[in-house]
Amino acid sequence: MELKVSFEEAVAKVKTLTYKPSNEILLKLYSLYKQATEGDVSGERPGGFDFKGAAKYDAWAALKGMSPEQAMRAYIDLVNSLFEKG
């Protein structure tokens, strides 16, 4: 239960960043969040000209098989590293 609380704190904390992380970091945050909260990606991969949707789908799909707990830990570590760099 402590991990879930730390994860929720990290989710709130990342919204207080004073700078915008790179698109690569934003995709990593998105994919880890989705893996932690919903598990493996499902549904169809966006196609056509939805490049942003496809990138988000691919980033999440790359984490297939990662447990929600692992994703939460990785998300927390990434958020903490963003504040160390900031």
Protein backbone atom coordinates (compact mmCIF):
# COMPACT_ATOMS: atom_id res chain seq x y z
CA MET A 1 0.00 0.00 0.00
CA GLU A 2 2.94 2.31 0.69
CA LEU A 3 4.07 1.96 -2.94
CA LYS A 4 0.66 3.11 -4.21
CA VAL A 5 0.79 6.19 -1.96
CA SER A 6 4.31 7.03 -3.16
CA PHE A 7 3.14 6.57 -6.76
CA GLU A 8 0.18 8.90 -6.26
CA GLU A 9 2.50 11.48 -4.67
CA ALA A 10 4.83 11.22 -7.68
CA VAL A 11 1.88 11.72 -10.05
CA ALA A 12 0.96 14.92 -8.18
CA LYS A 13 4.60 16.02 -7.88
CA VAL A 14 5.35 15.78 -11.61
CA LYS A 15 2.63 18.35 -12.28
CA THR A 16 4.67 20.91 -10.33
CA LEU A 17 7.73 20.77 -12.60
CA THR A 18 8.91 24.23 -13.56
CA TYR A 19 10.06 23.10 -17.02
CA LYS A 20 8.68 20.87 -19.76
CA PRO A 21 10.56 17.59 -20.07
CA SER A 22 11.53 16.28 -23.51
CA ASN A 23 8.99 14.36 -25.56
CA GLU A 24 10.97 11.20 -24.86
CA ILE A 25 10.59 11.71 -21.09
CA LEU A 26 6.91 12.61 -21.46
CA LEU A 27 6.31 9.38 -23.39
CA LYS A 28 8.13 7.40 -20.70
CA LEU A 29 6.02 9.01 -17.97
CA TYR A 30 2.85 8.29 -19.94
CA SER A 31 3.72 4.67 -20.64
CA LEU A 32 4.80 3.93 -17.07
CA TYR A 33 1.65 5.56 -15.71
CA LYS A 34 -0.58 3.54 -18.04
CA GLN A 35 1.28 0.30 -17.28
CA ALA A 36 1.00 0.96 -13.53
CA THR A 37 -2.69 1.81 -13.61
CA GLU A 38 -4.08 -0.33 -16.45
CA GLY A 39 -1.55 -3.10 -17.14
CA ASP A 40 -0.57 -4.20 -20.63
CA VAL A 41 -1.72 -2.12 -23.59
CA SER A 42 -4.96 -3.15 -25.25
CA GLY A 43 -6.93 -2.09 -28.28
CA GLU A 44 -5.86 -1.16 -31.75
CA ARG A 45 -2.76 0.89 -32.49
CA PRO A 46 -3.74 4.31 -33.84
CA GLY A 47 -2.85 4.70 -37.48
CA GLY A 48 -3.07 7.18 -40.26
CA PHE A 49 -1.85 10.60 -39.27
CA ASP A 50 -2.27 10.13 -35.52
CA PHE A 51 1.47 10.19 -34.92
CA LYS A 52 1.13 11.24 -31.28
CA GLY A 53 -1.38 8.48 -30.55
CA ALA A 54 0.81 5.90 -32.28
CA ALA A 55 3.90 7.03 -30.33
CA LYS A 56 1.99 6.78 -27.04
CA TYR A 57 0.67 3.34 -27.96
CA ASP A 58 4.15 2.11 -28.96
CA ALA A 59 5.74 3.44 -25.77
CA TRP A 60 3.13 1.69 -23.65
CA ALA A 61 3.32 -1.52 -25.70
CA ALA A 62 7.09 -1.63 -25.11
CA LEU A 63 6.37 -2.21 -21.41
CA LYS A 64 4.24 -5.30 -22.01
CA GLY A 65 4.73 -7.82 -19.23
CA MET A 66 6.00 -5.28 -16.68
CA SER A 67 4.10 -5.61 -13.41
CA PRO A 68 2.16 -2.63 -12.10
CA GLU A 69 4.49 -2.54 -9.09
CA GLN A 70 7.59 -2.37 -11.31
CA ALA A 71 5.97 0.38 -13.37
CA MET A 72 5.11 2.35 -10.23
CA ARG A 73 8.69 2.12 -8.96
CA ALA A 74 10.10 3.16 -12.34
CA TYR A 75 7.65 6.09 -12.53
CA ILE A 76 8.61 7.27 -9.03
CA ASP A 77 12.33 7.00 -9.86
CA LEU A 78 11.87 8.92 -13.11
CA VAL A 79 9.89 11.72 -11.44
CA ASN A 80 12.51 12.02 -8.69
CA SER A 81 15.29 12.21 -11.30
CA LEU A 82 13.46 15.04 -13.09
CA PHE A 83 13.53 17.08 -9.89
CA GLU A 84 17.21 16.33 -9.31
CA LYS A 85 18.05 17.62 -12.81
CA GLY A 86 15.71 20.61 -12.60
